[in-house]
PDB file of N, CA and C in Angstrom:
ATOM      1  N   MET A   1     -10.856   1.194  -2.427  1.00  0.00           N
ATOM      2  CA  MET A   1      -9.708   1.215  -3.309  1.00  0.00           C
ATOM      3  C   MET A   1      -9.822  -0.032  -4.279  1.00  0.00           C
ATOM      4  N   ALA A   2      -9.189   0.053  -5.392  1.00  0.00           N
ATOM      5  CA  ALA A   2      -9.350  -0.915  -6.431  1.00  0.00           C
ATOM      6  C   ALA A   2      -8.462  -2.127  -6.258  1.00  0.00           C
ATOM      7  N   TYR A   3      -7.822  -2.299  -5.124  1.00  0.00           N
ATOM      8  CA  TYR A   3      -6.872  -3.381  -4.938  1.00  0.00           C
ATOM      9  C   TYR A   3      -7.388  -4.452  -4.056  1.00  0.00           C
ATOM     10  N   GLY A   4      -8.638  -4.389  -3.702  1.00  0.00           N
ATOM     11  CA  GLY A   4      -9.235  -5.352  -2.824  1.00  0.00           C
ATOM     12  C   GLY A   4      -8.586  -5.385  -1.423  1.00  0.00           C
ATOM     13  N   LEU A   5      -8.272  -4.144  -0.913  1.00  0.00           N
ATOM     14  CA  LEU A   5      -7.624  -3.976   0.351  1.00  0.00           C
ATOM     15  C   LEU A   5      -8.620  -4.109   1.496  1.00  0.00           C
ATOM     16  N   SER A   6      -8.173  -4.708   2.647  1.00  0.00           N
ATOM     17  CA  SER A   6      -9.038  -4.694   3.846  1.00  0.00           C
ATOM     18  C   SER A   6      -8.958  -3.393   4.533  1.00  0.00           C
ATOM     19  N   ASP A   7      -9.846  -3.224   5.497  1.00  0.00           N
ATOM     20  CA  ASP A   7      -9.820  -1.981   6.251  1.00  0.00           C
ATOM     21  C   ASP A   7      -8.464  -1.708   6.951  1.00  0.00           C
ATOM     22  N   ALA A   8      -7.905  -2.768   7.525  1.00  0.00           N
ATOM     23  CA  ALA A   8      -6.584  -2.674   8.134  1.00  0.00           C
ATOM     24  C   ALA A   8      -5.516  -2.211   7.104  1.00  0.00           C
ATOM     25  N   GLU A   9      -5.603  -2.805   5.918  1.00  0.00           N
ATOM     26  CA  GLU A   9      -4.581  -2.464   4.882  1.00  0.00           C
ATOM     27  C   GLU A   9      -4.828  -0.963   4.490  1.00  0.00           C
ATOM     28  N   VAL A  10      -5.951  -0.583   4.381  1.00  0.00           N
ATOM     29  CA  VAL A  10      -6.249   0.856   4.026  1.00  0.00           C
ATOM     30  C   VAL A  10      -5.692   1.777   5.177  1.00  0.00           C
ATOM     31  N   ASP A  11      -5.968   1.359   6.452  1.00  0.00           N
ATOM     32  CA  ASP A  11      -5.507   2.159   7.562  1.00  0.00           C
ATOM     33  C   ASP A  11      -3.978   2.244   7.494  1.00  0.00           C
ATOM     34  N   VAL A  12      -3.242   1.225   7.253  1.00  0.00           N
ATOM     35  CA  VAL A  12      -1.858   1.241   7.190  1.00  0.00           C
ATOM     36  C   VAL A  12      -1.396   2.149   6.041  1.00  0.00           C
ATOM     37  N   PHE A  13      -1.987   2.103   4.889  1.00  0.00           N
ATOM     38  CA  PHE A  13      -1.658   2.902   3.728  1.00  0.00           C
ATOM     39  C   PHE A  13      -1.839   4.315   4.085  1.00  0.00           C
ATOM     40  N   TYR A  14      -2.972   4.670   4.710  1.00  0.00           N
ATOM     41  CA  TYR A  14      -3.295   6.067   5.100  1.00  0.00           C
ATOM     42  C   TYR A  14      -2.282   6.557   6.171  1.00  0.00           C
ATOM     43  N   ALA A  15      -1.855   5.736   7.033  1.00  0.00           N
ATOM     44  CA  ALA A  15      -0.874   6.061   8.096  1.00  0.00           C
ATOM     45  C   ALA A  15       0.429   6.430   7.413  1.00  0.00           C
ATOM     46  N   LEU A  16       0.837   5.627   6.452  1.00  0.00           N
ATOM     47  CA  LEU A  16       2.122   5.880   5.717  1.00  0.00           C
ATOM     48  C   LEU A  16       2.016   7.239   4.978  1.00  0.00           C
ATOM     49  N   VAL A  17       0.862   7.431   4.360  1.00  0.00           N
ATOM     50  CA  VAL A  17       0.693   8.752   3.612  1.00  0.00           C
ATOM     51  C   VAL A  17       0.858   9.891   4.647  1.00  0.00           C
ATOM     52  N   GLU A  18       0.156   9.817   5.801  1.00  0.00           N
ATOM     53  CA  GLU A  18       0.187  10.837   6.772  1.00  0.00           C
ATOM     54  C   GLU A  18       1.546  11.027   7.390  1.00  0.00           C
ATOM     55  N   LEU A  19       2.326   9.963   7.652  1.00  0.00           N
ATOM     56  CA  LEU A  19       3.693  10.046   8.193  1.00  0.00           C
ATOM     57  C   LEU A  19       4.645  10.784   7.180  1.00  0.00           C
ATOM     58  N   ASN A  20       4.408  10.500   5.907  1.00  0.00           N
ATOM     59  CA  ASN A  20       5.209  11.138   4.870  1.00  0.00           C
ATOM     60  C   ASN A  20       6.649  11.041   5.063  1.00  0.00           C
ATOM     61  N   LYS A  21       7.211   9.857   5.408  1.00  0.00           N
ATOM     62  CA  LYS A  21       8.605   9.600   5.610  1.00  0.00           C
ATOM     63  C   LYS A  21       8.828   8.120   5.629  1.00  0.00           C
ATOM     64  N   LYS A  22      10.111   7.777   5.529  1.00  0.00           N
ATOM     65  CA  LYS A  22      10.398   6.286   5.580  1.00  0.00           C
ATOM     66  C   LYS A  22      10.257   5.867   7.068  1.00  0.00           C
ATOM     67  N   VAL A  23       9.537   4.735   7.306  1.00  0.00           N
ATOM     68  CA  VAL A  23       9.290   4.249   8.593  1.00  0.00           C
ATOM     69  C   VAL A  23       9.549   2.702   8.670  1.00  0.00           C
ATOM     70  N   ASP A  24       9.763   2.199   9.814  1.00  0.00           N
ATOM     71  CA  ASP A  24       9.847   0.763  10.038  1.00  0.00           C
ATOM     72  C   ASP A  24       8.552   0.236  10.558  1.00  0.00           C
ATOM     73  N   THR A  25       8.506  -1.078  10.682  1.00  0.00           N
ATOM     74  CA  THR A  25       7.246  -1.734  11.101  1.00  0.00           C
ATOM     75  C   THR A  25       6.879  -1.328  12.538  1.00  0.00           C
ATOM     76  N   ASP A  26       7.849  -1.071  13.417  1.00  0.00           N
ATOM     77  CA  ASP A  26       7.520  -0.673  14.784  1.00  0.00           C
ATOM     78  C   ASP A  26       6.768   0.584  14.792  1.00  0.00           C
ATOM     79  N   GLU A  27       7.150   1.595  14.000  1.00  0.00           N
ATOM     80  CA  GLU A  27       6.518   2.874  14.000  1.00  0.00           C
ATOM     81  C   GLU A  27       5.097   2.776  13.447  1.00  0.00           C
ATOM     82  N   VAL A  28       4.918   1.930  12.371  1.00  0.00           N
ATOM     83  CA  VAL A  28       3.640   1.736  11.817  1.00  0.00           C
ATOM     84  C   VAL A  28       2.703   1.066  12.802  1.00  0.00           C
ATOM     85  N   ALA A  29       3.231   0.011  13.447  1.00  0.00           N
ATOM     86  CA  ALA A  29       2.475  -0.763  14.409  1.00  0.00           C
ATOM     87  C   ALA A  29       1.952   0.130  15.608  1.00  0.00           C
ATOM     88  N   THR A  30       2.851   1.018  16.060  1.00  0.00           N
ATOM     89  CA  THR A  30       2.434   1.909  17.087  1.00  0.00           C
ATOM     90  C   THR A  30       1.410   2.930  16.607  1.00  0.00           C
ATOM     91  N   ARG A  31       1.530   3.320  15.423  1.00  0.00           N
ATOM     92  CA  ARG A  31       0.581   4.326  14.847  1.00  0.00           C
ATOM     93  C   ARG A  31      -0.810   3.781  14.637  1.00  0.00           C
ATOM     94  N   VAL A  32      -0.950   2.561  14.112  1.00  0.00           N
ATOM     95  CA  VAL A  32      -2.246   1.985  13.851  1.00  0.00           C
ATOM     96  C   VAL A  32      -2.727   0.984  14.861  1.00  0.00           C
ATOM     97  N   LYS A  33      -1.872   0.688  15.834  1.00  0.00           N
ATOM     98  CA  LYS A  33      -2.237  -0.185  16.979  1.00  0.00           C
ATOM     99  C   LYS A  33      -2.574  -1.596  16.559  1.00  0.00           C
ATOM    100  N   LEU A  34      -1.675  -2.140  15.743  1.00  0.00           N
ATOM    101  CA  LEU A  34      -1.766  -3.557  15.296  1.00  0.00           C
ATOM    102  C   LEU A  34      -0.352  -4.226  15.655  1.00  0.00           C
ATOM    103  N   SER A  35      -0.453  -5.561  15.654  1.00  0.00           N
ATOM    104  CA  SER A  35       0.832  -6.223  15.946  1.00  0.00           C
ATOM    105  C   SER A  35       1.885  -6.032  14.836  1.00  0.00           C
ATOM    106  N   LYS A  36       3.110  -6.196  15.161  1.00  0.00           N
ATOM    107  CA  LYS A  36       4.182  -6.070  14.195  1.00  0.00           C
ATOM    108  C   LYS A  36       4.074  -7.146  13.064  1.00  0.00           C
ATOM    109  N   SER A  37       3.646  -8.322  13.483  1.00  0.00           N
ATOM    110  CA  SER A  37       3.583  -9.417  12.495  1.00  0.00           C
ATOM    111  C   SER A  37       2.408  -9.070  11.444  1.00  0.00           C
ATOM    112  N   ARG A  38       1.334  -8.550  11.971  1.00  0.00           N
ATOM    113  CA  ARG A  38       0.212  -8.166  11.155  1.00  0.00           C
ATOM    114  C   ARG A  38       0.632  -6.975  10.179  1.00  0.00           C
ATOM    115  N   ILE A  39       1.361  -6.076  10.768  1.00  0.00           N
ATOM    116  CA  ILE A  39       1.843  -4.894   9.943  1.00  0.00           C
ATOM    117  C   ILE A  39       2.790  -5.455   8.866  1.00  0.00           C
ATOM    118  N   SER A  40       3.648  -6.358   9.204  1.00  0.00           N
ATOM    119  CA  SER A  40       4.620  -6.952   8.231  1.00  0.00           C
ATOM    120  C   SER A  40       3.853  -7.503   7.068  1.00  0.00           C
ATOM    121  N   LEU A  41       2.839  -8.319   7.315  1.00  0.00           N
ATOM    122  CA  LEU A  41       2.043  -8.902   6.241  1.00  0.00           C
ATOM    123  C   LEU A  41       1.309  -7.817   5.329  1.00  0.00           C
ATOM    124  N   ILE A  42       0.845  -6.865   6.021  1.00  0.00           N
ATOM    125  CA  ILE A  42       0.145  -5.696   5.298  1.00  0.00           C
ATOM    126  C   ILE A  42       1.109  -4.997   4.428  1.00  0.00           C
ATOM    127  N   LEU A  43       2.303  -4.668   5.044  1.00  0.00           N
ATOM    128  CA  LEU A  43       3.289  -3.945   4.211  1.00  0.00           C
ATOM    129  C   LEU A  43       3.781  -4.680   3.008  1.00  0.00           C
ATOM    130  N   LYS A  44       3.891  -6.085   3.271  1.00  0.00           N
ATOM    131  CA  LYS A  44       4.291  -6.937   2.115  1.00  0.00           C
ATOM    132  C   LYS A  44       3.248  -6.815   1.010  1.00  0.00           C
ATOM    133  N   LYS A  45       1.975  -6.871   1.337  1.00  0.00           N
ATOM    134  CA  LYS A  45       0.931  -6.798   0.345  1.00  0.00           C
ATOM    135  C   LYS A  45       0.923  -5.423  -0.334  1.00  0.00           C
ATOM    136  N   LEU A  46       0.999  -4.347   0.461  1.00  0.00           N
ATOM    137  CA  LEU A  46       1.005  -3.021  -0.169  1.00  0.00           C
ATOM    138  C   LEU A  46       2.212  -2.785  -1.023  1.00  0.00           C
ATOM    139  N   SER A  47       3.334  -3.373  -0.715  1.00  0.00           N
ATOM    140  CA  SER A  47       4.527  -3.288  -1.532  1.00  0.00           C
ATOM    141  C   SER A  47       4.350  -4.100  -2.843  1.00  0.00           C
ATOM    142  N   SER A  48       3.723  -5.265  -2.715  1.00  0.00           N
ATOM    143  CA  SER A  48       3.553  -6.152  -3.887  1.00  0.00           C
ATOM    144  C   SER A  48       2.640  -5.574  -4.905  1.00  0.00           C
ATOM    145  N   VAL A  49       1.647  -4.737  -4.490  1.00  0.00           N
ATOM    146  CA  VAL A  49       0.740  -4.167  -5.389  1.00  0.00           C
ATOM    147  C   VAL A  49       1.219  -2.723  -5.876  1.00  0.00           C
ATOM    148  N   GLY A  50       2.416  -2.272  -5.363  1.00  0.00           N
ATOM    149  CA  GLY A  50       2.979  -1.045  -5.835  1.00  0.00           C
ATOM    150  C   GLY A  50       2.496   0.180  -5.122  1.00  0.00           C
ATOM    151  N   LEU A  51       1.882   0.037  -3.958  1.00  0.00           N
ATOM    152  CA  LEU A  51       1.463   1.251  -3.225  1.00  0.00           C
ATOM    153  C   LEU A  51       2.456   1.733  -2.249  1.00  0.00           C
ATOM    154  N   VAL A  52       3.362   0.887  -1.872  1.00  0.00           N
ATOM    155  CA  VAL A  52       4.402   1.209  -0.920  1.00  0.00           C
ATOM    156  C   VAL A  52       5.752   0.802  -1.353  1.00  0.00           C
ATOM    157  N   GLU A  53       6.795   1.589  -1.225  1.00  0.00           N
ATOM    158  CA  GLU A  53       8.142   1.303  -1.511  1.00  0.00           C
ATOM    159  C   GLU A  53       8.854   0.712  -0.285  1.00  0.00           C
ATOM    160  N   LYS A  54       9.673  -0.291  -0.471  1.00  0.00           N
ATOM    161  CA  LYS A  54      10.342  -0.978   0.585  1.00  0.00           C
ATOM    162  C   LYS A  54      11.901  -0.784   0.334  1.00  0.00           C
ATOM    163  N   GLU A  55      12.628  -0.437   1.358  1.00  0.00           N
ATOM    164  CA  GLU A  55      14.062  -0.149   1.269  1.00  0.00           C
ATOM    165  C   GLU A  55      14.765  -1.005   2.383  1.00  0.00           C
ATOM    166  N   LYS A  56      15.724  -1.777   1.968  1.00  0.00           N
ATOM    167  CA  LYS A  56      16.501  -2.613   2.909  1.00  0.00           C
ATOM    168  C   LYS A  56      17.732  -1.779   3.445  1.00  0.00           C
ATOM    169  N   VAL A  57      17.828  -1.675   4.667  1.00  0.00           N
ATOM    170  CA  VAL A  57      18.981  -0.937   5.255  1.00  0.00           C
ATOM    171  C   VAL A  57      19.721  -1.905   6.268  1.00  0.00           C
ATOM    172  N   PRO A  58      21.040  -1.879   6.251  1.00  0.00           N
ATOM    173  CA  PRO A  58      21.725  -2.737   7.138  1.00  0.00           C
ATOM    174  C   PRO A  58      21.496  -2.358   8.639  1.00  0.00           C
ATOM    175  N   SER A  59      21.652  -3.404   9.424  1.00  0.00           N
ATOM    176  CA  SER A  59      21.473  -3.252  10.838  1.00  0.00           C
ATOM    177  C   SER A  59      22.651  -2.521  11.406  1.00  0.00           C
ATOM    178  N   GLU A  60      22.477  -1.689  12.393  1.00  0.00           N
ATOM    179  CA  GLU A  60      23.535  -0.921  12.982  1.00  0.00           C
ATOM    180  C   GLU A  60      24.340  -1.821  13.872  1.00  0.00           C
ATOM    181  N   LYS A  61      23.808  -2.914  14.296  1.00  0.00           N
ATOM    182  CA  LYS A  61      24.501  -3.805  15.211  1.00  0.00           C
ATOM    183  C   LYS A  61      24.996  -5.091  14.532  1.00  0.00           C
ATOM    184  N   GLY A  62      24.939  -5.112  13.251  1.00  0.00           N
ATOM    185  CA  GLY A  62      25.439  -6.262  12.498  1.00  0.00           C
ATOM    186  C   GLY A  62      24.516  -7.471  12.472  1.00  0.00           C
ATOM    187  N   GLY A  63      23.208  -7.238  12.847  1.00  0.00           N
ATOM    188  CA  GLY A  63      22.232  -8.348  12.795  1.00  0.00           C
ATOM    189  C   GLY A  63      21.518  -8.369  11.465  1.00  0.00           C
ATOM    190  N   ARG A  64      20.261  -8.793  11.608  1.00  0.00           N
ATOM    191  CA  ARG A  64      19.407  -8.800  10.441  1.00  0.00           C
ATOM    192  C   ARG A  64      19.179  -7.408   9.816  1.00  0.00           C
ATOM    193  N   PRO A  65      19.125  -7.266   8.545  1.00  0.00           N
ATOM    194  CA  PRO A  65      18.804  -5.960   8.002  1.00  0.00           C
ATOM    195  C   PRO A  65      17.400  -5.503   8.384  1.00  0.00           C
ATOM    196  N   LYS A  66      17.157  -4.185   8.340  1.00  0.00           N
ATOM    197  CA  LYS A  66      15.883  -3.625   8.651  1.00  0.00           C
ATOM    198  C   LYS A  66      15.255  -3.115   7.344  1.00  0.00           C
ATOM    199  N   PHE A  67      13.930  -3.070   7.343  1.00  0.00           N
ATOM    200  CA  PHE A  67      13.281  -2.573   6.135  1.00  0.00           C
ATOM    201  C   PHE A  67      12.564  -1.293   6.513  1.00  0.00           C
ATOM    202  N   LEU A  68      12.637  -0.301   5.626  1.00  0.00           N
ATOM    203  CA  LEU A  68      11.870   0.918   5.826  1.00  0.00           C
ATOM    204  C   LEU A  68      10.895   1.051   4.640  1.00  0.00           C
ATOM    205  N   TYR A  69       9.684   1.578   4.991  1.00  0.00           N
ATOM    206  CA  TYR A  69       8.619   1.689   4.069  1.00  0.00           C
ATOM    207  C   TYR A  69       8.180   3.136   3.879  1.00  0.00           C
ATOM    208  N   GLU A  70       7.709   3.471   2.695  1.00  0.00           N
ATOM    209  CA  GLU A  70       7.203   4.807   2.434  1.00  0.00           C
ATOM    210  C   GLU A  70       6.296   4.764   1.255  1.00  0.00           C
ATOM    211  N   VAL A  71       5.420   5.778   1.161  1.00  0.00           N
ATOM    212  CA  VAL A  71       4.564   6.027  -0.013  1.00  0.00           C
ATOM    213  C   VAL A  71       5.187   7.057  -0.818  1.00  0.00           C
ATOM    214  N   LYS A  72       5.533   6.737  -2.079  1.00  0.00           N
ATOM    215  CA  LYS A  72       6.022   7.775  -2.970  1.00  0.00           C
ATOM    216  C   LYS A  72       4.812   8.359  -3.662  1.00  0.00           C
ATOM    217  N   ARG A  73       4.445   9.511  -3.212  1.00  0.00           N
ATOM    218  CA  ARG A  73       3.172  10.124  -3.566  1.00  0.00           C
ATOM    219  C   ARG A  73       2.880  10.239  -5.071  1.00  0.00           C
ATOM    220  N   GLU A  74       3.885  10.743  -5.829  1.00  0.00           N
ATOM    221  CA  GLU A  74       3.676  10.967  -7.222  1.00  0.00           C
ATOM    222  C   GLU A  74       3.470   9.603  -8.035  1.00  0.00           C
ATOM    223  N   LYS A  75       4.283   8.618  -7.609  1.00  0.00           N
ATOM    224  CA  LYS A  75       4.188   7.357  -8.236  1.00  0.00           C
ATOM    225  C   LYS A  75       2.843   6.646  -7.956  1.00  0.00           C
ATOM    226  N   VAL A  76       2.424   6.828  -6.657  1.00  0.00           N
ATOM    227  CA  VAL A  76       1.124   6.178  -6.281  1.00  0.00           C
ATOM    228  C   VAL A  76       0.018   6.900  -6.897  1.00  0.00           C
ATOM    229  N   ALA A  77       0.129   8.186  -7.032  1.00  0.00           N
ATOM    230  CA  ALA A  77      -0.989   8.988  -7.668  1.00  0.00           C
ATOM    231  C   ALA A  77      -1.154   8.577  -9.131  1.00  0.00           C
ATOM    232  N   LYS A  78      -0.043   8.386  -9.817  1.00  0.00           N
ATOM    233  CA  LYS A  78      -0.082   7.959 -11.215  1.00  0.00           C
ATOM    234  C   LYS A  78      -0.638   6.524 -11.359  1.00  0.00           C
ATOM    235  N   THR A  79      -0.235   5.614 -10.495  1.00  0.00           N
ATOM    236  CA  THR A  79      -0.685   4.279 -10.447  1.00  0.00           C
ATOM    237  C   THR A  79      -2.159   4.200 -10.194  1.00  0.00           C
ATOM    238  N   LEU A  80      -2.692   4.953  -9.160  1.00  0.00           N
ATOM    239  CA  LEU A  80      -4.138   4.965  -8.808  1.00  0.00           C
ATOM    240  C   LEU A  80      -4.953   5.554 -10.004  1.00  0.00           C
ATOM    241  N   LYS A  81      -4.423   6.581 -10.643  1.00  0.00           N
ATOM    242  CA  LYS A  81      -5.116   7.152 -11.760  1.00  0.00           C
ATOM    243  C   LYS A  81      -5.365   6.164 -12.878  1.00  0.00           C
ATOM    244  N   THR A  82      -4.229   5.473 -13.205  1.00  0.00           N
ATOM    245  CA  THR A  82      -4.321   4.452 -14.201  1.00  0.00           C
ATOM    246  C   THR A  82      -5.238   3.357 -13.852  1.00  0.00           C
ATOM    247  N   LYS A  83      -5.197   2.882 -12.620  1.00  0.00           N
ATOM    248  CA  LYS A  83      -6.005   1.817 -12.170  1.00  0.00           C
ATOM    249  C   LYS A  83      -7.520   2.287 -12.183  1.00  0.00           C
ATOM    250  N   GLY A  84      -7.732   3.550 -11.852  1.00  0.00           N
ATOM    251  CA  GLY A  84      -9.107   4.127 -11.868  1.00  0.00           C
ATOM    252  C   GLY A  84      -9.706   4.083 -13.278  1.00  0.00           C
ATOM    253  N   VAL A  85      -8.878   4.467 -14.218  1.00  0.00           N
ATOM    254  CA  VAL A  85      -9.355   4.484 -15.622  1.00  0.00           C
ATOM    255  C   VAL A  85      -9.653   3.049 -16.033  1.00  0.00           C
ATOM    256  N   GLU A  86      -8.808   2.058 -15.665  1.00  0.00           N
ATOM    257  CA  GLU A  86      -9.063   0.660 -16.036  1.00  0.00           C
ATOM    258  C   GLU A  86     -10.340   0.182 -15.405  1.00  0.00           C
ATOM    259  N   VAL A  87     -10.567   0.435 -14.132  1.00  0.00           N
ATOM    260  CA  VAL A  87     -11.816   0.037 -13.467  1.00  0.00           C
ATOM    261  C   VAL A  87     -12.972   0.601 -14.185  1.00  0.00           C
ATOM    262  N   CYS A  88     -13.035   1.887 -14.519  1.00  0.00           N
ATOM    263  CA  CYS A  88     -14.113   2.552 -15.211  1.00  0.00           C
ATOM    264  C   CYS A  88     -14.345   1.963 -16.509  1.00  0.00           C
ATOM    265  N   GLU A  89     -13.329   1.685 -17.274  1.00  0.00           N
ATOM    266  CA  GLU A  89     -13.478   1.018 -18.591  1.00  0.00           C
ATOM    267  C   GLU A  89     -14.106  -0.366 -18.457  1.00  0.00           C
ATOM    268  N   ASP A  90     -13.631  -1.127 -17.466  1.00  0.00           N
ATOM    269  CA  ASP A  90     -14.196  -2.456 -17.262  1.00  0.00           C
ATOM    270  C   ASP A  90     -15.676  -2.362 -16.800  1.00  0.00           C
ATOM    271  N   LEU A  91     -15.973  -1.380 -16.007  1.00  0.00           N
ATOM    272  CA  LEU A  91     -17.410  -1.205 -15.554  1.00  0.00           C
ATOM    273  C   LEU A  91     -18.238  -0.805 -16.735  1.00  0.00           C
ATOM    274  N   GLN A  92     -17.826   0.103 -17.602  1.00  0.00           N
ATOM    275  CA  GLN A  92     -18.592   0.580 -18.719  1.00  0.00           C
ATOM    276  C   GLN A  92     -18.783  -0.645 -19.650  1.00  0.00           C
ATOM    277  N   LYS A  93     -17.771  -1.443 -19.912  1.00  0.00           N
ATOM    278  CA  LYS A  93     -17.994  -2.653 -20.731  1.00  0.00           C
ATOM    279  C   LYS A  93     -18.951  -3.605 -20.145  1.00  0.00           C
ATOM    280  N   ALA A  94     -18.872  -3.862 -18.849  1.00  0.00           N
ATOM    281  CA  ALA A  94     -19.829  -4.779 -18.205  1.00  0.00           C
ATOM    282  C   ALA A  94     -21.267  -4.309 -18.289  1.00  0.00           C
ATOM    283  N   ILE A  95     -21.439  -2.987 -18.104  1.00  0.00           N
ATOM    284  CA  ILE A  95     -22.799  -2.414 -18.163  1.00  0.00           C
ATOM    285  C   ILE A  95     -23.339  -2.502 -19.637  1.00  0.00           C
ATOM    286  N   SER A  96     -22.508  -2.185 -20.562  1.00  0.00           N
ATOM    287  CA  SER A  96     -22.903  -2.261 -22.005  1.00  0.00           C
ATOM    288  C   SER A  96     -23.324  -3.636 -22.312  1.00  0.00           C
ATOM    289  N   GLU A  97     -22.543  -4.678 -21.915  1.00  0.00           N
ATOM    290  CA  GLU A  97     -22.849  -6.058 -22.235  1.00  0.00           C
ATOM    291  C   GLU A  97     -24.186  -6.477 -21.487  1.00  0.00           C
ATOM    292  N   LEU A  98     -24.323  -5.986 -20.310  1.00  0.00           N
ATOM    293  CA  LEU A  98     -25.533  -6.368 -19.558  1.00  0.00           C
ATOM    294  C   LEU A  98     -26.797  -5.754 -20.166  1.00  0.00           C
ATOM    295  N   LEU A  99     -26.652  -4.522 -20.562  1.00  0.00           N
ATOM    296  CA  LEU A  99     -27.799  -3.865 -21.171  1.00  0.00           C
ATOM    297  C   LEU A  99     -27.938  -4.051 -22.661  1.00  0.00           C
ATOM    298  N   LYS A 100     -26.985  -4.714 -23.213  1.00  0.00           N
ATOM    299  CA  LYS A 100     -27.004  -4.994 -24.680  1.00  0.00           C
ATOM    300  C   LYS A 100     -27.032  -3.740 -25.513  1.00  0.00           C
ATOM    301  N   VAL A 101     -26.218  -2.758 -25.134  1.00  0.00           N
ATOM    302  CA  VAL A 101     -26.162  -1.515 -25.925  1.00  0.00           C
ATOM    303  C   VAL A 101     -24.826  -1.332 -26.558  1.00  0.00           C
TER     304      VAL A 101
END
C-alpha cells in the first residue's frame, strides 16, 4: 500500500474490510490476535490517513465513551485510486529524470 503501512496495519485494515461493519478494538484484537493497545495505535494511524472511519459512542454505563471503527468502502476506493495515480505520476517523473528523457 502507498501509505507506508506495516504488515500488522495491513492485517487490521483487511480485517475491517472483511468484517464490513462497525467494530470496537476488542473485536479487532480478537480477529487479528494482537493486543488491544497495539490495535488502538494501528486504528489511530489508519484513521489519520483516511482509511478507517472512527465514531465516538457514549458508554452504556456512563463511563468513558467507546469508539467504533469501519472501512467506508466507496470512500476508501476513491482515496486509494487517487493515491495510486499520484504514486504512478511521481514514479514516472522520477524515471524520466533518472533517464534524462
